[in-house]
């Protein structure tokens, strides 16, 4: 073999070697992100397996108001909120769920060993409550107030996984306001403003924890006659001062009436009467007497 042929063969061998090395490095660089992505996905799917506290909503008590029975979370609420606090009251973790979520009714937590306070709330407000302080779980007027159920308990987390099954109880009071007469043609909106209750509650007691002025408005252009007003009383019994204002399309006040309504926790106070008939005064105050319906001991009727 002549020297020229030997030189050419050595060049081809070096070229092939570098080409193979380049291809190997290129393949490794392409595969690295795929390996990382698979690891991330595996970690995400194993979160539930690592949970050492699993909270499941077993039932909500006393659905509907007028019957003492039980219901599943999805039958009585559109939102569930879970929060875990240390024993000093500092929030550690919170889970928010919306009806339709695959895991609606079950929450998973991975917590260090220790003692905690657990709060679970079921409701149908337009948004999640502020739960930073377990003694002031609260909604805003814009979010609205709804039928609300609560479970609170202390729990000890150990090295062994634990599953809790909770039963939530109703903690609101309901003022059901019913208009029995026809609306004047120019009335398009009713506003209900009431105080004496609370828009926030203490999760340890289930009672209201702030002095709120709650405001709710309804479009009545289609003839809506029944209005449900929810509040958290400061005790088992209380009274709200209710101001009902009728507005026209241009927000002119057409009528305003005031009511003092006695209420109880987990009870309906049903207020009904002709709102627009029988008086031409702008403001009308009335304190109703309680008539107890003997069929249900959690419904009270008022007329004006």
Protein backbone atom coordinates (compact mmCIF):
# COMPACT_ATOMS: atom_id res chain seq x y z
CA UNK A 1 0.00 0.00 0.00
CA UNK A 2 1.47 3.34 -1.01
CA UNK A 3 1.89 6.20 1.51
CA UNK A 4 -0.89 8.25 -0.07
CA UNK A 5 -3.46 5.47 0.47
CA UNK A 6 -2.39 4.97 4.11
CA UNK A 7 -2.73 8.72 4.77
CA UNK A 8 -6.23 8.79 3.24
CA UNK A 9 -7.34 5.81 5.35
CA UNK A 10 -6.18 7.49 8.58
CA UNK A 11 -8.07 10.64 7.66
CA UNK A 12 -11.28 8.67 7.01
CA UNK A 13 -10.96 6.84 10.36
CA UNK A 14 -10.57 10.15 12.30
CA UNK A 15 -13.46 11.66 10.38
CA UNK A 16 -15.76 8.72 11.21
CA UNK A 17 -14.74 8.78 14.86
CA UNK A 18 -15.50 12.52 15.27
CA UNK A 19 -18.75 12.11 13.36
CA UNK A 20 -19.92 9.33 15.71
CA UNK A 21 -18.92 11.39 18.76
CA UNK A 22 -20.81 14.43 17.46
CA UNK A 23 -23.96 12.35 16.81
CA UNK A 24 -23.80 10.86 20.32
CA UNK A 25 -23.46 14.26 21.97
CA UNK A 26 -26.32 15.66 19.88
CA UNK A 27 -28.62 12.79 20.87
CA UNK A 28 -27.79 13.22 24.55
CA UNK A 29 -28.58 16.93 24.37
CA UNK A 30 -31.94 16.16 22.75
CA UNK A 31 -32.91 13.50 25.30
CA UNK A 32 -32.02 15.46 28.46
CA UNK A 33 -35.18 17.64 28.53
CA UNK A 34 -37.37 14.59 27.88
CA UNK A 35 -35.91 12.78 30.91
CA UNK A 36 -36.47 15.88 33.08
CA UNK A 37 -40.07 16.25 31.86
CA UNK A 38 -40.85 12.60 32.63
CA UNK A 39 -39.42 12.98 36.14
CA UNK A 40 -41.53 16.09 36.76
CA UNK A 41 -44.67 14.35 35.56
CA UNK A 42 -43.98 11.33 37.77
CA UNK A 43 -43.50 13.59 40.78
CA UNK A 44 -46.77 15.39 40.09
CA UNK A 45 -48.77 12.18 39.87
CA UNK A 46 -47.29 10.84 43.11
CA UNK A 47 -48.42 13.77 45.30
CA UNK A 48 -51.54 11.95 46.47
CA UNK A 49 -49.50 8.86 47.25
CA UNK A 50 -47.30 10.97 49.56
CA UNK A 51 -50.24 12.56 51.38
CA UNK A 52 -50.37 11.71 55.08
CA UNK A 53 -53.72 13.42 55.76
CA UNK A 54 -56.72 12.78 53.50
CA UNK A 55 -59.93 14.69 54.24
CA UNK A 56 -63.22 13.46 52.79
CA UNK A 57 -66.59 15.20 53.11
CA UNK A 58 -69.00 12.47 54.16
CA UNK A 59 -72.22 14.47 54.32
CA UNK A 60 -73.83 17.84 54.97
CA UNK A 61 -76.43 17.87 57.69
CA UNK A 62 -79.97 19.29 57.44
CA UNK A 63 -80.67 19.83 53.75
CA UNK A 64 -82.87 21.64 52.94
CA UNK A 65 -83.61 24.13 55.74
CA UNK A 66 -87.09 22.77 56.39
CA UNK A 67 -86.11 19.12 56.68
CA UNK A 68 -83.55 17.45 58.92
CA UNK A 69 -81.78 15.09 56.56
CA UNK A 70 -78.41 14.71 54.85
CA UNK A 71 -76.92 15.31 51.42
CA UNK A 72 -73.72 14.86 49.47
CA UNK A 73 -71.47 17.94 49.01
CA UNK A 74 -72.33 18.31 45.32
CA UNK A 75 -76.06 18.43 46.13
CA UNK A 76 -75.78 21.32 48.58
CA UNK A 77 -72.82 23.45 47.51
CA UNK A 78 -70.83 24.64 44.53
CA UNK A 79 -67.58 25.32 46.42
CA UNK A 80 -65.54 23.57 49.09
CA UNK A 81 -62.66 25.15 50.99
CA UNK A 82 -60.29 23.32 53.29
CA UNK A 83 -57.66 24.98 55.46
CA UNK A 84 -55.07 23.60 57.89
CA UNK A 85 -53.72 25.79 60.70
CA UNK A 86 -51.09 25.15 63.32
CA UNK A 87 -52.22 25.21 66.95
CA UNK A 88 -51.30 28.89 67.16
CA UNK A 89 -53.76 29.74 64.36
CA UNK A 90 -51.31 30.30 61.50
CA UNK A 91 -52.62 28.93 58.21
CA UNK A 92 -50.34 26.22 56.81
CA UNK A 93 -52.19 25.07 53.70
CA UNK A 94 -55.48 25.67 51.89
CA UNK A 95 -57.31 23.72 49.18
CA UNK A 96 -60.17 25.25 47.13
CA UNK A 97 -62.53 23.14 45.04
CA UNK A 98 -65.36 23.91 42.63
CA UNK A 99 -68.29 21.59 41.95
CA UNK A 100 -67.41 19.54 38.91
CA UNK A 101 -63.81 19.00 39.94
CA UNK A 102 -62.85 15.33 39.77
CA UNK A 103 -61.88 15.29 43.45
CA UNK A 104 -64.73 17.47 44.75
CA UNK A 105 -65.27 16.37 48.33
CA UNK A 106 -61.76 15.02 49.02
CA UNK A 107 -58.58 16.95 49.84
CA UNK A 108 -55.01 15.70 50.23
CA UNK A 109 -52.37 17.19 52.51
CA UNK A 110 -48.73 16.35 53.13
CA UNK A 111 -47.85 17.75 56.55
CA UNK A 112 -45.02 17.44 59.08
CA UNK A 113 -45.79 15.34 62.14
CA UNK A 114 -47.68 17.42 64.72
CA UNK A 115 -51.03 18.81 65.86
CA UNK A 116 -53.20 20.97 63.61
CA UNK A 117 -56.58 22.67 63.35
CA UNK A 118 -58.66 21.61 60.34
CA UNK A 119 -61.47 23.69 58.83
CA UNK A 120 -63.79 22.63 55.99
CA UNK A 121 -66.43 24.97 54.54
CA UNK A 122 -69.14 24.21 51.96
CA UNK A 123 -71.06 27.05 50.29
CA UNK A 124 -72.35 28.45 47.00
CA UNK A 125 -70.91 31.96 47.02
CA UNK A 126 -69.46 33.51 43.86
CA UNK A 127 -65.93 33.27 45.27
CA UNK A 128 -63.74 31.66 47.91
CA UNK A 129 -63.74 33.14 51.41
CA UNK A 130 -60.70 34.76 52.97
CA UNK A 131 -59.38 32.13 55.39
CA UNK A 132 -56.14 33.70 56.62
CA UNK A 133 -57.61 33.96 60.13
CA UNK A 134 -59.71 30.99 61.26
CA UNK A 135 -61.62 33.27 63.65
CA UNK A 136 -62.67 35.52 60.72
CA UNK A 137 -63.53 33.39 57.71
CA UNK A 138 -65.27 35.96 55.53
CA UNK A 139 -66.89 36.87 52.22
CA UNK A 140 -67.49 40.26 50.63
CA UNK A 141 -70.81 41.74 49.53
CA UNK A 142 -69.64 41.38 45.92
CA UNK A 143 -69.07 37.64 46.38
CA UNK A 144 -72.47 37.23 47.99
CA UNK A 145 -73.62 35.07 50.89
CA UNK A 146 -75.12 31.60 50.66
CA UNK A 147 -76.15 28.54 52.58
CA UNK A 148 -72.97 27.60 54.47
CA UNK A 149 -71.79 24.47 56.27
CA UNK A 150 -68.80 24.02 58.56
CA UNK A 151 -66.61 21.35 60.11
CA UNK A 152 -63.84 22.18 62.59
CA UNK A 153 -61.63 19.82 64.54
CA UNK A 154 -58.10 19.32 65.79
CA UNK A 155 -56.11 16.52 64.25
CA UNK A 156 -52.79 14.84 65.02
CA UNK A 157 -50.60 13.92 62.04
CA UNK A 158 -48.17 11.02 62.58
CA UNK A 159 -45.83 8.99 60.39
CA UNK A 160 -48.78 6.86 59.35
CA UNK A 161 -51.25 8.21 56.74
CA UNK A 162 -54.65 9.15 58.15
CA UNK A 163 -58.04 9.55 56.50
CA UNK A 164 -60.76 11.72 58.06
CA UNK A 165 -64.44 11.63 57.12
CA UNK A 166 -66.19 14.89 58.00
CA UNK A 167 -69.84 15.77 58.55
CA UNK A 168 -70.58 19.48 58.07
CA UNK A 169 -73.32 21.40 59.89
CA UNK A 170 -75.23 24.48 58.79
CA UNK A 171 -74.08 27.68 60.55
CA UNK A 172 -76.10 30.39 58.78
CA UNK A 173 -79.49 31.94 59.48
CA UNK A 174 -81.85 32.71 56.61
CA UNK A 175 -84.23 35.63 56.26
CA UNK A 176 -86.60 34.76 53.43
CA UNK A 177 -88.34 37.93 52.24
CA UNK A 178 -91.46 37.48 50.10
CA UNK A 179 -93.28 40.29 48.28
CA UNK A 180 -96.99 39.49 47.97
CA UNK A 181 -98.19 42.44 45.87
CA UNK A 182 -97.38 43.50 42.31
CA UNK A 183 -94.46 45.73 41.41
CA UNK A 184 -95.13 49.20 40.05
CA UNK A 185 -94.01 49.40 36.42
CA UNK A 186 -91.00 51.61 37.16
CA UNK A 187 -89.46 49.32 39.82
CA UNK A 188 -86.56 47.31 38.40
CA UNK A 189 -84.32 46.54 41.40
CA UNK A 190 -84.64 45.76 45.10
CA UNK A 191 -81.76 46.26 47.50
CA UNK A 192 -81.62 44.55 50.89
CA UNK A 193 -79.20 46.02 53.42
CA UNK A 194 -79.05 44.45 56.85
CA UNK A 195 -76.94 44.59 60.00
CA UNK A 196 -76.95 42.78 63.31
CA UNK A 197 -75.47 39.64 61.82
CA UNK A 198 -72.04 39.08 60.28
CA UNK A 199 -70.45 38.37 56.92
CA UNK A 200 -67.67 36.45 58.69
CA UNK A 201 -67.59 33.63 61.22
CA UNK A 202 -65.30 32.07 63.79
CA UNK A 203 -64.54 28.55 62.58
CA UNK A 204 -64.12 27.31 66.15
CA UNK A 205 -67.64 28.34 67.19
CA UNK A 206 -69.60 28.75 63.95
CA UNK A 207 -70.88 32.15 65.13
CA UNK A 208 -70.44 35.55 63.47
CA UNK A 209 -67.23 37.33 64.39
CA UNK A 210 -67.53 40.87 62.96
CA UNK A 211 -70.23 43.56 62.83
CA UNK A 212 -71.12 43.71 59.15
CA UNK A 213 -73.42 45.74 56.95
CA UNK A 214 -74.45 43.16 54.37
CA UNK A 215 -75.91 44.33 51.06
CA UNK A 216 -77.58 42.25 48.35
CA UNK A 217 -79.38 43.51 45.21
CA UNK A 218 -81.80 41.70 42.92
CA UNK A 219 -83.15 42.46 39.45
CA UNK A 220 -86.96 42.27 39.71
CA UNK A 221 -87.77 43.27 36.15
CA UNK A 222 -88.96 39.69 35.51
CA UNK A 223 -91.20 39.60 38.59
CA UNK A 224 -88.95 37.86 41.13
CA UNK A 225 -90.84 37.77 44.48
CA UNK A 226 -88.76 35.65 46.91
CA UNK A 227 -85.36 36.74 48.24
CA UNK A 228 -83.03 34.73 50.47
CA UNK A 229 -80.77 36.74 52.77
CA UNK A 230 -78.07 34.84 54.69
CA UNK A 231 -76.11 35.91 57.74
CA UNK A 232 -73.97 34.51 60.57
CA UNK A 233 -75.49 35.42 63.92
CA UNK A 234 -73.21 36.29 66.85
CA UNK A 235 -75.05 33.79 69.02
CA UNK A 236 -77.72 31.10 68.70
CA UNK A 237 -80.34 33.87 68.45
CA UNK A 238 -80.26 37.47 67.27
CA UNK A 239 -82.05 40.25 65.40
CA UNK A 240 -81.15 41.89 62.13
CA UNK A 241 -82.23 45.37 61.08
CA UNK A 242 -83.29 45.13 57.44
CA UNK A 243 -83.72 48.06 55.03
CA UNK A 244 -85.50 47.26 51.75
CA UNK A 245 -85.10 49.85 48.98
CA UNK A 246 -86.83 49.85 45.60
CA UNK A 247 -85.06 51.51 42.65
CA UNK A 248 -86.04 52.53 39.15
CA UNK A 249 -83.93 51.97 36.04
CA UNK A 250 -82.07 55.27 36.61
CA UNK A 251 -81.40 54.31 40.28
CA UNK A 252 -83.99 56.69 41.70
CA UNK A 253 -85.24 55.56 45.13
CA UNK A 254 -88.96 54.83 44.81
CA UNK A 255 -89.65 53.25 48.19
CA UNK A 256 -87.81 52.30 51.37
CA UNK A 257 -89.03 50.21 54.32
CA UNK A 258 -87.34 48.95 57.47
CA UNK A 259 -87.83 45.73 59.42
CA UNK A 260 -86.42 44.23 62.63
CA UNK A 261 -86.34 40.47 62.15
CA UNK A 262 -85.74 37.98 64.96
CA UNK A 263 -83.61 35.05 63.81
CA UNK A 264 -82.01 31.81 65.01
CA UNK A 265 -79.03 29.87 63.74
CA UNK A 266 -80.01 27.14 61.27
CA UNK A 267 -83.55 28.54 61.06
CA UNK A 268 -85.62 30.40 58.48
CA UNK A 269 -87.31 33.68 59.35
CA UNK A 270 -89.93 34.09 56.64
CA UNK A 271 -91.04 37.72 56.17
CA UNK A 272 -93.91 38.33 53.77
CA UNK A 273 -96.42 41.02 52.91
CA UNK A 274 -97.44 43.74 50.41
CA UNK A 275 -94.34 45.89 49.98
CA UNK A 276 -95.94 48.57 47.79
CA UNK A 277 -99.59 48.49 48.86
CA UNK A 278 -101.27 50.28 51.73
CA UNK A 279 -98.72 53.04 52.38
CA UNK A 280 -97.33 56.05 50.60
CA UNK A 281 -94.58 56.79 53.12
CA UNK A 282 -90.96 56.60 52.05
CA UNK A 283 -89.80 54.83 55.21
CA UNK A 284 -91.80 52.35 57.25
CA UNK A 285 -90.56 50.57 60.40
CA UNK A 286 -92.09 47.42 61.83
CA UNK A 287 -91.08 44.87 64.44
CA UNK A 288 -92.76 41.54 63.72
CA UNK A 289 -93.92 38.99 66.26
CA UNK A 290 -92.88 35.36 65.87
CA UNK A 291 -95.39 32.76 64.80
CA UNK A 292 -94.00 29.24 65.07
CA UNK A 293 -95.02 26.69 62.48
CA UNK A 294 -95.78 23.49 64.39
CA UNK A 295 -94.82 21.30 61.44
CA UNK A 296 -91.20 22.43 61.37
CA UNK A 297 -89.54 23.88 64.44
CA UNK A 298 -86.89 25.66 62.39
CA UNK A 299 -89.18 27.97 60.40
CA UNK A 300 -90.66 31.22 61.74
CA UNK A 301 -93.22 33.35 59.92
CA UNK A 302 -93.58 37.13 59.98
CA UNK A 303 -96.18 39.26 58.21
CA UNK A 304 -96.30 43.00 57.68
